[in-house]
Amino acid sequence: MRAASPAVLVPVLALLLGMISVQSGASIAKTMFPLAGPLGTVALRVGFGTLILCAALRPWRVPISVHSRLPIAVYGVALGIMNMCFYQALSRLPLGVAVALEFTGPLAVAVLFSRRPIDYLWVLLAVAGLSLLLPVSHLHRGIDPVGALYALGAGGCWAVYIVSGQKAGISHGAQSVALGSLISAVLVVPVGILNAPPPFFSKAIVLPGIAIAVLSTALPYLLDMVALTRLPTRTFGVLMSIDPAIGALTGLLFLGEKLSAPQWIAIALIILASIGVTAHGEQKIPVPIPD
């Protein structure tokens, strides 16, 4: 049996490391909630992450056309609200559950843009997974309903982020991520600072905030760019589908979050639905930086 070539292994490893980096950053963020609060922590991530992206990509060099202003604005606002909702969900839910519920956003976009009858099967799998996660019966006693709504809200924003991000990316490519992040920072940072407990700008808060920005924004973006330029679109999407499982394992290893058997089954069903619709669909994969 012939071993996989470096041309295949390098982008696959880059994508996997990017997902691990995002979830590791989320784990650190969750430990920061007692000090900075969820909104304060997301302000640190978005603020420092935006500075890093702007320094690397220098988006001001690219003129913004009249036709691309609205998609970029919607993209940035969706990114900001998505991050705020996700961190609010993370303060109430295990990491793996929050990621799985949020993942319904891109899954819904993939289904809506596909026309194959088999996609109804993936919808049923996703609905079955959601029924095991959402607090609608005796199986979900450990799931906070407000946290679940925040996670689903983050998923809805992720769906808007995908559609508007694709439109913005046509005109501005990689710079659209930095432009969207800049708009997101204008929205998120003041809200986060105003809602964070004092003292906010202490070393105990700022230094972990920089680490969260690097792990959750800067590093995964660079790694995803390596994967996006070297992997087929479908392969990229299938591999991204395991993100909820990585979130659950990261939460278990770093936060001690043990999930119940129904929750693990639910995450597996959502992953299968995402893999199925990605492998059989024709939609384009969105720009990275989700959670």
C-alpha atoms as a PDB file:
ATOM      1  CA  MET A   1       0.000   0.000   0.000  1.00  0.00           C
ATOM      2  CA  ARG A   2       1.486   3.331  -1.087  1.00  0.00           C
ATOM      3  CA  ALA A   3       1.880   6.005   1.583  1.00  0.00           C
ATOM      4  CA  ALA A   4       0.114   9.334   1.155  1.00  0.00           C
ATOM      5  CA  SER A   5       2.254  11.987  -0.497  1.00  0.00           C
ATOM      6  CA  PRO A   6       3.350  15.154   1.345  1.00  0.00           C
ATOM      7  CA  ALA A   7       1.224  17.136  -1.115  1.00  0.00           C
ATOM      8  CA  VAL A   8      -1.852  15.520   0.475  1.00  0.00           C
ATOM      9  CA  LEU A   9      -0.637  15.144   4.059  1.00  0.00           C
ATOM     10  CA  VAL A  10       0.499  18.747   4.554  1.00  0.00           C
ATOM     11  CA  PRO A  11      -2.867  20.437   3.823  1.00  0.00           C
ATOM     12  CA  VAL A  12      -4.806  17.758   5.718  1.00  0.00           C
ATOM     13  CA  LEU A  13      -2.578  18.202   8.771  1.00  0.00           C
ATOM     14  CA  ALA A  14      -2.843  21.973   8.423  1.00  0.00           C
ATOM     15  CA  LEU A  15      -6.651  21.806   8.455  1.00  0.00           C
ATOM     16  CA  LEU A  16      -6.717  19.420  11.420  1.00  0.00           C
ATOM     17  CA  LEU A  17      -4.267  21.596  13.358  1.00  0.00           C
ATOM     18  CA  GLY A  18      -6.391  24.627  12.539  1.00  0.00           C
ATOM     19  CA  MET A  19      -9.495  23.001  14.016  1.00  0.00           C
ATOM     20  CA  ILE A  20      -7.561  21.873  17.091  1.00  0.00           C
ATOM     21  CA  SER A  21      -6.224  25.409  17.470  1.00  0.00           C
ATOM     22  CA  VAL A  22      -9.727  26.920  17.345  1.00  0.00           C
ATOM     23  CA  GLN A  23     -11.082  24.532  19.967  1.00  0.00           C
ATOM     24  CA  SER A  24      -8.012  24.965  22.171  1.00  0.00           C
ATOM     25  CA  GLY A  25      -8.585  28.713  22.039  1.00  0.00           C
ATOM     26  CA  ALA A  26     -12.226  28.145  23.004  1.00  0.00           C
ATOM     27  CA  SER A  27     -11.084  26.058  25.979  1.00  0.00           C
ATOM     28  CA  ILE A  28      -8.793  28.848  27.191  1.00  0.00           C
ATOM     29  CA  ALA A  29     -11.603  31.356  26.612  1.00  0.00           C
ATOM     30  CA  LYS A  30     -13.946  29.356  28.807  1.00  0.00           C
ATOM     31  CA  THR A  31     -11.460  29.461  31.688  1.00  0.00           C
ATOM     32  CA  MET A  32     -11.366  33.263  31.288  1.00  0.00           C
ATOM     33  CA  PHE A  33     -15.101  33.759  31.823  1.00  0.00           C
ATOM     34  CA  PRO A  34     -14.829  34.179  35.632  1.00  0.00           C
ATOM     35  CA  LEU A  35     -12.283  36.993  35.119  1.00  0.00           C
ATOM     36  CA  ALA A  36     -13.487  38.770  31.967  1.00  0.00           C
ATOM     37  CA  GLY A  37     -16.975  37.413  31.361  1.00  0.00           C
ATOM     38  CA  PRO A  38     -18.106  35.892  28.028  1.00  0.00           C
ATOM     39  CA  LEU A  39     -18.502  39.258  26.283  1.00  0.00           C
ATOM     40  CA  GLY A  40     -15.220  40.596  27.665  1.00  0.00           C
ATOM     41  CA  THR A  41     -13.444  37.465  26.488  1.00  0.00           C
ATOM     42  CA  VAL A  42     -14.888  37.696  22.989  1.00  0.00           C
ATOM     43  CA  ALA A  43     -13.828  41.356  22.891  1.00  0.00           C
ATOM     44  CA  LEU A  44     -10.253  40.261  23.616  1.00  0.00           C
ATOM     45  CA  ARG A  45     -10.359  37.598  20.929  1.00  0.00           C
ATOM     46  CA  VAL A  46     -11.909  39.801  18.256  1.00  0.00           C
ATOM     47  CA  GLY A  47      -9.882  42.877  19.162  1.00  0.00           C
ATOM     48  CA  PHE A  48      -6.452  41.274  19.199  1.00  0.00           C
ATOM     49  CA  GLY A  49      -7.365  38.915  16.355  1.00  0.00           C
ATOM     50  CA  THR A  50      -8.345  41.861  14.172  1.00  0.00           C
ATOM     51  CA  LEU A  51      -5.060  43.636  14.902  1.00  0.00           C
ATOM     52  CA  ILE A  52      -3.120  40.517  13.873  1.00  0.00           C
ATOM     53  CA  LEU A  53      -5.142  39.988  10.680  1.00  0.00           C
ATOM     54  CA  CYS A  54      -4.909  43.643   9.649  1.00  0.00           C
ATOM     55  CA  ALA A  55      -1.157  43.681  10.258  1.00  0.00           C
ATOM     56  CA  ALA A  56      -0.748  40.532   8.145  1.00  0.00           C
ATOM     57  CA  LEU A  57      -3.195  41.308   5.319  1.00  0.00           C
ATOM     58  CA  ARG A  58      -3.218  45.149   5.272  1.00  0.00           C
ATOM     59  CA  PRO A  59      -6.796  45.380   3.913  1.00  0.00           C
ATOM     60  CA  TRP A  60      -6.592  49.165   3.453  1.00  0.00           C
ATOM     61  CA  ARG A  61      -4.527  48.556   0.307  1.00  0.00           C
ATOM     62  CA  VAL A  62      -7.597  47.206  -1.501  1.00  0.00           C
ATOM     63  CA  PRO A  63     -10.249  49.757  -2.555  1.00  0.00           C
ATOM     64  CA  ILE A  64     -13.815  48.858  -1.544  1.00  0.00           C
ATOM     65  CA  SER A  65     -16.261  49.100  -4.428  1.00  0.00           C
ATOM     66  CA  VAL A  66     -19.807  50.400  -3.983  1.00  0.00           C
ATOM     67  CA  HIS A  67     -21.272  46.970  -4.797  1.00  0.00           C
ATOM     68  CA  SER A  68     -19.191  45.151  -2.186  1.00  0.00           C
ATOM     69  CA  ARG A  69     -19.867  47.489   0.748  1.00  0.00           C
ATOM     70  CA  LEU A  70     -23.118  45.845   1.808  1.00  0.00           C
ATOM     71  CA  PRO A  71     -21.840  42.213   1.668  1.00  0.00           C
ATOM     72  CA  ILE A  72     -18.731  43.192   3.657  1.00  0.00           C
ATOM     73  CA  ALA A  73     -20.821  45.068   6.231  1.00  0.00           C
ATOM     74  CA  VAL A  74     -23.252  42.145   6.632  1.00  0.00           C
ATOM     75  CA  TYR A  75     -20.334  39.734   6.788  1.00  0.00           C
ATOM     76  CA  GLY A  76     -18.630  41.707   9.565  1.00  0.00           C
ATOM     77  CA  VAL A  77     -21.797  42.189  11.621  1.00  0.00           C
ATOM     78  CA  ALA A  78     -22.673  38.485  11.300  1.00  0.00           C
ATOM     79  CA  LEU A  79     -19.151  37.557  12.398  1.00  0.00           C
ATOM     80  CA  GLY A  80     -19.379  39.789  15.468  1.00  0.00           C
ATOM     81  CA  ILE A  81     -22.815  38.622  16.589  1.00  0.00           C
ATOM     82  CA  MET A  82     -21.834  35.001  15.898  1.00  0.00           C
ATOM     83  CA  ASN A  83     -18.844  35.246  18.221  1.00  0.00           C
ATOM     84  CA  MET A  84     -20.864  36.936  20.966  1.00  0.00           C
ATOM     85  CA  CYS A  85     -23.608  34.303  20.754  1.00  0.00           C
ATOM     86  CA  PHE A  86     -21.111  31.450  20.698  1.00  0.00           C
ATOM     87  CA  TYR A  87     -19.245  32.649  23.785  1.00  0.00           C
ATOM     88  CA  GLN A  88     -22.543  33.170  25.614  1.00  0.00           C
ATOM     89  CA  ALA A  89     -23.469  29.600  24.665  1.00  0.00           C
ATOM     90  CA  LEU A  90     -20.052  28.391  25.785  1.00  0.00           C
ATOM     91  CA  SER A  91     -20.626  29.871  29.229  1.00  0.00           C
ATOM     92  CA  ARG A  92     -23.694  27.646  29.614  1.00  0.00           C
ATOM     93  CA  LEU A  93     -22.943  24.499  27.579  1.00  0.00           C
ATOM     94  CA  PRO A  94     -20.128  21.965  27.170  1.00  0.00           C
ATOM     95  CA  LEU A  95     -17.800  22.916  24.325  1.00  0.00           C
ATOM     96  CA  GLY A  96     -18.704  19.916  22.159  1.00  0.00           C
ATOM     97  CA  VAL A  97     -22.435  20.543  22.477  1.00  0.00           C
ATOM     98  CA  ALA A  98     -22.065  24.264  21.686  1.00  0.00           C
ATOM     99  CA  VAL A  99     -19.991  23.525  18.570  1.00  0.00           C
ATOM    100  CA  ALA A 100     -22.415  20.835  17.376  1.00  0.00           C
ATOM    101  CA  LEU A 101     -25.432  23.130  17.728  1.00  0.00           C
ATOM    102  CA  GLU A 102     -23.588  25.991  16.025  1.00  0.00           C
ATOM    103  CA  PHE A 103     -22.630  23.673  13.163  1.00  0.00           C
ATOM    104  CA  THR A 104     -26.286  23.472  12.111  1.00  0.00           C
ATOM    105  CA  GLY A 105     -25.794  26.881  10.441  1.00  0.00           C
ATOM    106  CA  PRO A 106     -23.376  25.812   7.694  1.00  0.00           C
ATOM    107  CA  LEU A 107     -25.235  22.508   7.432  1.00  0.00           C
ATOM    108  CA  ALA A 108     -28.473  24.378   6.682  1.00  0.00           C
ATOM    109  CA  VAL A 109     -26.732  26.482   4.017  1.00  0.00           C
ATOM    110  CA  ALA A 110     -25.314  23.353   2.388  1.00  0.00           C
ATOM    111  CA  VAL A 111     -28.752  21.734   2.253  1.00  0.00           C
ATOM    112  CA  LEU A 112     -30.483  24.869   0.946  1.00  0.00           C
ATOM    113  CA  PHE A 113     -27.977  25.210  -1.902  1.00  0.00           C
ATOM    114  CA  SER A 114     -28.302  21.553  -2.892  1.00  0.00           C
ATOM    115  CA  ARG A 115     -31.041  19.949  -4.978  1.00  0.00           C
ATOM    116  CA  ARG A 116     -30.363  16.223  -4.547  1.00  0.00           C
ATOM    117  CA  PRO A 117     -33.086  13.986  -3.051  1.00  0.00           C
ATOM    118  CA  ILE A 118     -30.521  12.226  -0.845  1.00  0.00           C
ATOM    119  CA  ASP A 119     -30.073  15.497   1.062  1.00  0.00           C
ATOM    120  CA  TYR A 120     -33.369  14.782   2.838  1.00  0.00           C
ATOM    121  CA  LEU A 121     -31.558  11.886   4.504  1.00  0.00           C
ATOM    122  CA  TRP A 122     -28.909  14.247   5.834  1.00  0.00           C
ATOM    123  CA  VAL A 123     -31.625  16.590   7.093  1.00  0.00           C
ATOM    124  CA  LEU A 124     -33.218  13.706   8.988  1.00  0.00           C
ATOM    125  CA  LEU A 125     -29.866  12.782  10.527  1.00  0.00           C
ATOM    126  CA  ALA A 126     -29.297  16.383  11.606  1.00  0.00           C
ATOM    127  CA  VAL A 127     -32.812  16.638  13.070  1.00  0.00           C
ATOM    128  CA  ALA A 128     -32.257  13.377  14.944  1.00  0.00           C
ATOM    129  CA  GLY A 129     -29.011  14.778  16.344  1.00  0.00           C
ATOM    130  CA  LEU A 130     -30.689  18.016  17.380  1.00  0.00           C
ATOM    131  CA  SER A 131     -33.507  16.125  19.077  1.00  0.00           C
ATOM    132  CA  LEU A 132     -30.900  14.490  21.315  1.00  0.00           C
ATOM    133  CA  LEU A 133     -29.230  17.807  22.159  1.00  0.00           C
ATOM    134  CA  LEU A 134     -32.041  20.306  22.536  1.00  0.00           C
ATOM    135  CA  PRO A 135     -33.829  20.436  25.922  1.00  0.00           C
ATOM    136  CA  VAL A 136     -37.193  19.065  24.802  1.00  0.00           C
ATOM    137  CA  SER A 137     -37.415  15.806  26.764  1.00  0.00           C
ATOM    138  CA  HIS A 138     -36.032  13.983  29.804  1.00  0.00           C
ATOM    139  CA  LEU A 139     -32.803  13.128  27.942  1.00  0.00           C
ATOM    140  CA  HIS A 140     -31.580  16.716  28.046  1.00  0.00           C
ATOM    141  CA  ARG A 141     -31.554  17.631  31.711  1.00  0.00           C
ATOM    142  CA  GLY A 142     -27.949  18.821  31.493  1.00  0.00           C
ATOM    143  CA  ILE A 143     -28.586  21.200  28.578  1.00  0.00           C
ATOM    144  CA  ASP A 144     -29.278  24.830  29.416  1.00  0.00           C
ATOM    145  CA  PRO A 145     -32.105  26.042  27.134  1.00  0.00           C
ATOM    146  CA  VAL A 146     -30.745  29.613  26.970  1.00  0.00           C
ATOM    147  CA  GLY A 147     -27.312  28.257  26.063  1.00  0.00           C
ATOM    148  CA  ALA A 148     -28.871  26.113  23.336  1.00  0.00           C
ATOM    149  CA  LEU A 149     -30.657  29.162  21.891  1.00  0.00           C
ATOM    150  CA  TYR A 150     -27.398  31.130  21.899  1.00  0.00           C
ATOM    151  CA  ALA A 151     -25.633  28.280  20.086  1.00  0.00           C
ATOM    152  CA  LEU A 152     -28.384  28.031  17.475  1.00  0.00           C
ATOM    153  CA  GLY A 153     -28.254  31.819  17.110  1.00  0.00           C
ATOM    154  CA  ALA A 154     -24.525  31.551  16.476  1.00  0.00           C
ATOM    155  CA  GLY A 155     -25.283  28.910  13.851  1.00  0.00           C
ATOM    156  CA  GLY A 156     -27.772  31.228  12.153  1.00  0.00           C
ATOM    157  CA  CYS A 157     -25.165  33.997  12.085  1.00  0.00           C
ATOM    158  CA  TRP A 158     -22.650  31.512  10.682  1.00  0.00           C
ATOM    159  CA  ALA A 159     -25.089  30.827   7.824  1.00  0.00           C
ATOM    160  CA  VAL A 160     -25.322  34.567   7.057  1.00  0.00           C
ATOM    161  CA  TYR A 161     -21.533  34.795   7.398  1.00  0.00           C
ATOM    162  CA  ILE A 162     -21.104  32.072   4.767  1.00  0.00           C
ATOM    163  CA  VAL A 163     -23.426  33.616   2.181  1.00  0.00           C
ATOM    164  CA  SER A 164     -22.196  37.200   2.646  1.00  0.00           C
ATOM    165  CA  GLY A 165     -18.577  36.051   2.979  1.00  0.00           C
ATOM    166  CA  GLN A 166     -18.686  34.329  -0.385  1.00  0.00           C
ATOM    167  CA  LYS A 167     -20.011  37.516  -2.008  1.00  0.00           C
ATOM    168  CA  ALA A 168     -17.398  39.670  -0.258  1.00  0.00           C
ATOM    169  CA  GLY A 169     -14.635  37.222  -1.134  1.00  0.00           C
ATOM    170  CA  ILE A 170     -15.362  37.493  -4.858  1.00  0.00           C
ATOM    171  CA  SER A 171     -14.262  41.139  -4.823  1.00  0.00           C
ATOM    172  CA  HIS A 172     -11.657  41.192  -2.080  1.00  0.00           C
ATOM    173  CA  GLY A 173     -10.390  37.627  -1.573  1.00  0.00           C
ATOM    174  CA  ALA A 174      -8.459  37.080   1.641  1.00  0.00           C
ATOM    175  CA  GLN A 175      -8.709  40.778   2.518  1.00  0.00           C
ATOM    176  CA  SER A 176     -12.447  40.324   3.067  1.00  0.00           C
ATOM    177  CA  VAL A 177     -11.681  38.382   6.254  1.00  0.00           C
ATOM    178  CA  ALA A 178      -9.657  41.267   7.683  1.00  0.00           C
ATOM    179  CA  LEU A 179     -12.288  43.811   6.598  1.00  0.00           C
ATOM    180  CA  GLY A 180     -15.074  41.749   8.146  1.00  0.00           C
ATOM    181  CA  SER A 181     -13.058  41.262  11.310  1.00  0.00           C
ATOM    182  CA  LEU A 182     -12.492  45.024  11.535  1.00  0.00           C
ATOM    183  CA  ILE A 183     -16.246  45.682  11.340  1.00  0.00           C
ATOM    184  CA  SER A 184     -16.797  42.910  13.875  1.00  0.00           C
ATOM    185  CA  ALA A 185     -14.301  44.533  16.256  1.00  0.00           C
ATOM    186  CA  VAL A 186     -16.051  47.919  16.023  1.00  0.00           C
ATOM    187  CA  LEU A 187     -19.262  46.155  17.083  1.00  0.00           C
ATOM    188  CA  VAL A 188     -17.940  43.678  19.643  1.00  0.00           C
ATOM    189  CA  VAL A 189     -15.088  45.386  21.488  1.00  0.00           C
ATOM    190  CA  PRO A 190     -17.086  48.285  23.016  1.00  0.00           C
ATOM    191  CA  VAL A 191     -19.905  45.930  24.067  1.00  0.00           C
ATOM    192  CA  GLY A 192     -17.409  43.497  25.595  1.00  0.00           C
ATOM    193  CA  ILE A 193     -15.487  46.158  27.510  1.00  0.00           C
ATOM    194  CA  LEU A 194     -18.669  47.751  28.879  1.00  0.00           C
ATOM    195  CA  ASN A 195     -19.967  44.363  30.087  1.00  0.00           C
ATOM    196  CA  ALA A 196     -16.674  42.996  31.431  1.00  0.00           C
ATOM    197  CA  PRO A 197     -15.979  42.981  35.186  1.00  0.00           C
ATOM    198  CA  PRO A 198     -13.123  45.289  36.324  1.00  0.00           C
ATOM    199  CA  PRO A 199     -10.196  45.411  36.119  1.00  0.00           C
ATOM    200  CA  PHE A 200     -10.334  44.516  32.431  1.00  0.00           C
ATOM    201  CA  PHE A 201      -6.888  45.579  31.204  1.00  0.00           C
ATOM    202  CA  SER A 202      -4.844  43.627  33.750  1.00  0.00           C
ATOM    203  CA  LYS A 203      -2.000  41.320  32.722  1.00  0.00           C
ATOM    204  CA  ALA A 204      -3.980  38.290  33.943  1.00  0.00           C
ATOM    205  CA  ILE A 205      -6.664  39.086  31.358  1.00  0.00           C
ATOM    206  CA  VAL A 206      -4.803  40.663  28.441  1.00  0.00           C
ATOM    207  CA  LEU A 207      -2.088  37.990  28.003  1.00  0.00           C
ATOM    208  CA  PRO A 208      -4.537  35.048  27.818  1.00  0.00           C
ATOM    209  CA  GLY A 209      -6.663  37.241  25.536  1.00  0.00           C
ATOM    210  CA  ILE A 210      -3.775  37.508  23.087  1.00  0.00           C
ATOM    211  CA  ALA A 211      -3.318  33.725  23.243  1.00  0.00           C
ATOM    212  CA  ILE A 212      -7.020  33.223  22.503  1.00  0.00           C
ATOM    213  CA  ALA A 213      -6.781  35.599  19.525  1.00  0.00           C
ATOM    214  CA  VAL A 214      -3.781  33.717  18.121  1.00  0.00           C
ATOM    215  CA  LEU A 215      -5.274  30.244  18.664  1.00  0.00           C
ATOM    216  CA  SER A 216      -8.855  31.030  17.636  1.00  0.00           C
ATOM    217  CA  THR A 217      -8.282  33.537  14.824  1.00  0.00           C
ATOM    218  CA  ALA A 218      -4.779  34.182  13.462  1.00  0.00           C
ATOM    219  CA  LEU A 219      -3.245  30.685  13.487  1.00  0.00           C
ATOM    220  CA  PRO A 220      -6.290  28.752  12.194  1.00  0.00           C
ATOM    221  CA  TYR A 221      -6.800  31.314   9.436  1.00  0.00           C
ATOM    222  CA  LEU A 222      -3.246  30.819   8.182  1.00  0.00           C
ATOM    223  CA  LEU A 223      -3.526  27.028   8.455  1.00  0.00           C
ATOM    224  CA  ASP A 224      -6.898  26.989   6.695  1.00  0.00           C
ATOM    225  CA  MET A 225      -5.430  29.056   3.860  1.00  0.00           C
ATOM    226  CA  VAL A 226      -2.785  26.345   3.392  1.00  0.00           C
ATOM    227  CA  ALA A 227      -5.514  23.709   3.231  1.00  0.00           C
ATOM    228  CA  LEU A 228      -7.901  25.709   1.027  1.00  0.00           C
ATOM    229  CA  THR A 229      -5.297  26.265  -1.673  1.00  0.00           C
ATOM    230  CA  ARG A 230      -4.172  22.628  -1.779  1.00  0.00           C
ATOM    231  CA  LEU A 231      -7.245  20.490  -1.098  1.00  0.00           C
ATOM    232  CA  PRO A 232     -10.291  19.870  -3.296  1.00  0.00           C
ATOM    233  CA  THR A 233     -13.307  21.814  -2.062  1.00  0.00           C
ATOM    234  CA  ARG A 234     -15.232  18.655  -1.198  1.00  0.00           C
ATOM    235  CA  THR A 235     -12.341  17.165   0.779  1.00  0.00           C
ATOM    236  CA  PHE A 236     -11.962  20.410   2.708  1.00  0.00           C
ATOM    237  CA  GLY A 237     -15.662  20.377   3.614  1.00  0.00           C
ATOM    238  CA  VAL A 238     -15.709  16.739   4.676  1.00  0.00           C
ATOM    239  CA  LEU A 239     -12.707  17.240   6.948  1.00  0.00           C
ATOM    240  CA  MET A 240     -14.232  20.391   8.471  1.00  0.00           C
ATOM    241  CA  SER A 241     -17.286  18.335   9.383  1.00  0.00           C
ATOM    242  CA  ILE A 242     -15.439  16.632  12.233  1.00  0.00           C
ATOM    243  CA  ASP A 243     -15.058  19.955  14.057  1.00  0.00           C
ATOM    244  CA  PRO A 244     -17.823  19.154  16.604  1.00  0.00           C
ATOM    245  CA  ALA A 245     -16.008  15.955  17.575  1.00  0.00           C
ATOM    246  CA  ILE A 246     -12.757  17.866  18.040  1.00  0.00           C
ATOM    247  CA  GLY A 247     -14.644  20.344  20.201  1.00  0.00           C
ATOM    248  CA  ALA A 248     -16.073  17.558  22.349  1.00  0.00           C
ATOM    249  CA  LEU A 249     -12.676  15.890  22.776  1.00  0.00           C
ATOM    250  CA  THR A 250     -11.001  19.222  23.561  1.00  0.00           C
ATOM    251  CA  GLY A 251     -13.644  19.961  26.168  1.00  0.00           C
ATOM    252  CA  LEU A 252     -13.091  16.543  27.711  1.00  0.00           C
ATOM    253  CA  LEU A 253      -9.293  16.781  27.785  1.00  0.00           C
ATOM    254  CA  PHE A 254      -8.819  20.407  28.840  1.00  0.00           C
ATOM    255  CA  LEU A 255     -12.033  21.259  30.683  1.00  0.00           C
ATOM    256  CA  GLY A 256     -13.091  17.868  32.054  1.00  0.00           C
ATOM    257  CA  GLU A 257     -16.475  18.120  30.277  1.00  0.00           C
ATOM    258  CA  LYS A 258     -17.911  14.623  30.117  1.00  0.00           C
ATOM    259  CA  LEU A 259     -20.789  14.175  27.704  1.00  0.00           C
ATOM    260  CA  SER A 260     -23.579  11.667  28.049  1.00  0.00           C
ATOM    261  CA  ALA A 261     -24.088   8.820  25.569  1.00  0.00           C
ATOM    262  CA  PRO A 262     -27.047  10.592  23.854  1.00  0.00           C
ATOM    263  CA  GLN A 263     -24.923  13.725  23.449  1.00  0.00           C
ATOM    264  CA  TRP A 264     -22.084  11.783  21.810  1.00  0.00           C
ATOM    265  CA  ILE A 265     -24.620  10.077  19.523  1.00  0.00           C
ATOM    266  CA  ALA A 266     -26.112  13.466  18.653  1.00  0.00           C
ATOM    267  CA  ILE A 267     -22.706  14.893  17.749  1.00  0.00           C
ATOM    268  CA  ALA A 268     -21.991  11.814  15.601  1.00  0.00           C
ATOM    269  CA  LEU A 269     -25.314  12.233  13.747  1.00  0.00           C
ATOM    270  CA  ILE A 270     -24.642  15.913  13.033  1.00  0.00           C
ATOM    271  CA  ILE A 271     -21.153  15.060  11.789  1.00  0.00           C
ATOM    272  CA  LEU A 272     -22.542  12.322   9.516  1.00  0.00           C
ATOM    273  CA  ALA A 273     -25.154  14.743   8.159  1.00  0.00           C
ATOM    274  CA  SER A 274     -22.488  17.363   7.461  1.00  0.00           C
ATOM    275  CA  ILE A 275     -20.175  14.851   5.771  1.00  0.00           C
ATOM    276  CA  GLY A 276     -23.039  13.517   3.702  1.00  0.00           C
ATOM    277  CA  VAL A 277     -24.297  16.845   2.419  1.00  0.00           C
ATOM    278  CA  THR A 278     -20.740  18.055   1.750  1.00  0.00           C
ATOM    279  CA  ALA A 279     -19.662  14.894  -0.066  1.00  0.00           C
ATOM    280  CA  HIS A 280     -22.753  14.834  -2.267  1.00  0.00           C
ATOM    281  CA  GLY A 281     -23.426  18.533  -2.708  1.00  0.00           C
ATOM    282  CA  GLU A 282     -21.973  21.122  -5.044  1.00  0.00           C
ATOM    283  CA  GLN A 283     -21.809  24.144  -2.736  1.00  0.00           C
ATOM    284  CA  LYS A 284     -18.620  26.117  -2.297  1.00  0.00           C
ATOM    285  CA  ILE A 285     -16.804  25.964   0.992  1.00  0.00           C
ATOM    286  CA  PRO A 286     -16.891  29.267   2.897  1.00  0.00           C
ATOM    287  CA  VAL A 287     -13.908  31.248   4.014  1.00  0.00           C
ATOM    288  CA  PRO A 288     -12.584  29.936   7.338  1.00  0.00           C
ATOM    289  CA  ILE A 289     -12.678  31.284  10.915  1.00  0.00           C
ATOM    290  CA  PRO A 290     -15.995  29.974  12.186  1.00  0.00           C
ATOM    291  CA  ASP A 291     -16.159  29.452  16.018  1.00  0.00           C
END
